[in-house]
Amino acid sequence: MVLRPQKTNFQLKIVENIQTFSIWANNPWRRYSVSLITLLIGYFLGSSLGMVSAVVDLMDPVAALLTVVFIETLIIFRRNLRFEKKSRFLVLLLDSLRLGLFYGFFTESLKLL
């Protein structure tokens, strides 16, 4: 038996704002453009974090820890939102952000070869 955590007022306000944003993005062109922008933001964050941590050798473990924690929180958010039909747009944005982070780290790792 899986117990769902209690929703706080802060969570309700955030989900409310995201739902109004998803209503605005009913148009497929808007939805795909916002998804592409989120993917590119994730790519930028992944590549810039890879570059910064490569410059300072002491920050490699710290950057790796922060990255893993950030990606795991994105996965937890996705897991909590996957059962709600109204938040499919948010799940799309979270997935595109994770995909952009992955591609950013992947291209930075190819530069090190």
Protein backbone atom coordinates (compact mmCIF):
# COMPACT_ATOMS: atom_id res chain seq x y z
CA MET A 1 0.00 0.00 0.00
CA VAL A 2 1.48 3.30 -1.10
CA LEU A 3 0.68 6.36 1.00
CA ARG A 4 0.68 9.70 -0.77
CA PRO A 5 2.28 12.56 1.13
CA GLN A 6 0.17 15.45 2.37
CA LYS A 7 0.01 18.43 0.03
CA THR A 8 1.08 21.72 1.57
CA ASN A 9 -0.26 25.16 0.71
CA PHE A 10 3.01 25.98 -1.09
CA GLN A 11 2.71 22.89 -3.26
CA LEU A 12 -0.89 23.74 -4.10
CA LYS A 13 0.03 27.29 -5.18
CA ILE A 14 2.90 26.06 -7.35
CA VAL A 15 0.72 23.42 -9.00
CA GLU A 16 -2.01 26.06 -9.55
CA ASN A 17 0.41 28.35 -11.38
CA ILE A 18 1.78 25.49 -13.44
CA GLN A 19 -1.74 24.39 -14.38
CA THR A 20 -2.57 27.86 -15.67
CA PHE A 21 0.69 27.77 -17.63
CA SER A 22 -0.28 24.39 -19.07
CA ILE A 23 -3.67 25.79 -20.10
CA TRP A 24 -1.81 28.58 -21.91
CA ALA A 25 0.33 25.95 -23.62
CA ASN A 26 -2.58 23.99 -25.09
CA ASN A 27 -1.42 25.11 -28.51
CA PRO A 28 1.06 22.45 -29.75
CA TRP A 29 3.49 25.05 -31.08
CA ARG A 30 3.65 26.76 -27.71
CA ARG A 31 4.04 23.43 -25.94
CA TYR A 32 6.89 22.27 -28.17
CA SER A 33 8.63 25.63 -28.13
CA VAL A 34 8.58 25.81 -24.33
CA SER A 35 9.78 22.20 -24.21
CA LEU A 36 12.63 23.01 -26.61
CA ILE A 37 13.58 26.09 -24.58
CA THR A 38 13.64 23.95 -21.43
CA LEU A 39 15.79 21.35 -23.20
CA LEU A 40 18.27 24.05 -24.25
CA ILE A 41 18.34 25.51 -20.72
CA GLY A 42 19.12 22.03 -19.39
CA TYR A 43 21.84 21.61 -22.01
CA PHE A 44 23.33 24.97 -21.05
CA LEU A 45 23.28 24.09 -17.34
CA GLY A 46 24.82 20.68 -17.97
CA SER A 47 27.60 21.95 -20.18
CA SER A 48 28.41 24.96 -17.99
CA LEU A 49 28.50 22.86 -14.82
CA GLY A 50 30.80 20.41 -16.61
CA MET A 51 33.11 23.21 -17.71
CA VAL A 52 33.25 24.86 -14.29
CA SER A 53 33.93 21.62 -12.46
CA ALA A 54 36.63 20.68 -14.99
CA VAL A 55 38.51 23.92 -14.39
CA VAL A 56 38.74 23.41 -10.62
CA ASP A 57 39.79 19.82 -9.94
CA LEU A 58 38.77 20.02 -6.31
CA MET A 59 35.13 20.63 -7.21
CA ASP A 60 34.59 17.45 -9.22
CA PRO A 61 33.12 15.38 -6.36
CA VAL A 62 31.03 18.32 -5.14
CA ALA A 63 29.67 19.03 -8.63
CA ALA A 64 28.89 15.35 -9.13
CA LEU A 65 27.05 15.20 -5.80
CA LEU A 66 25.03 18.33 -6.54
CA THR A 67 24.17 17.05 -10.00
CA VAL A 68 23.00 13.67 -8.74
CA VAL A 69 20.91 15.32 -6.01
CA PHE A 70 19.33 17.71 -8.54
CA ILE A 71 18.52 14.94 -11.02
CA GLU A 72 17.10 12.73 -8.27
CA THR A 73 14.82 15.54 -7.08
CA LEU A 74 13.59 15.95 -10.67
CA ILE A 75 12.85 12.23 -10.76
CA ILE A 76 10.95 12.44 -7.45
CA PHE A 77 8.90 15.38 -8.77
CA ARG A 78 8.10 13.40 -11.89
CA ARG A 79 7.10 10.36 -9.87
CA ASN A 80 4.70 12.46 -7.77
CA LEU A 81 3.12 14.15 -10.79
CA ARG A 82 2.73 11.24 -13.18
CA PHE A 83 -0.72 10.19 -11.88
CA GLU A 84 -2.33 13.61 -12.33
CA LYS A 85 -3.68 14.26 -15.80
CA LYS A 86 -3.54 18.05 -15.37
CA SER A 87 0.22 18.06 -14.87
CA ARG A 88 1.30 16.29 -18.06
CA PHE A 89 2.85 19.50 -19.35
CA LEU A 90 4.98 19.79 -16.21
CA VAL A 91 6.12 16.19 -16.63
CA LEU A 92 7.10 17.05 -20.23
CA LEU A 93 9.12 20.04 -18.99
CA LEU A 94 10.84 18.00 -16.26
CA ASP A 95 11.75 15.30 -18.77
CA SER A 96 13.13 17.79 -21.26
CA LEU A 97 15.18 19.47 -18.52
CA ARG A 98 16.65 16.11 -17.48
CA LEU A 99 17.35 15.22 -21.10
CA GLY A 100 19.10 18.55 -21.67
CA LEU A 101 21.23 18.03 -18.56
CA PHE A 102 22.15 14.57 -19.77
CA TYR A 103 23.17 15.79 -23.23
CA GLY A 104 25.14 18.67 -21.71
CA PHE A 105 27.12 16.29 -19.49
CA PHE A 106 27.54 13.85 -22.38
CA THR A 107 29.04 16.43 -24.72
CA GLU A 108 31.34 17.69 -21.97
CA SER A 109 32.55 14.15 -21.38
CA LEU A 110 33.29 13.78 -25.10
CA LYS A 111 35.45 16.90 -24.93
CA LEU A 112 37.60 15.21 -22.29
CA LEU A 113 38.48 12.31 -24.58
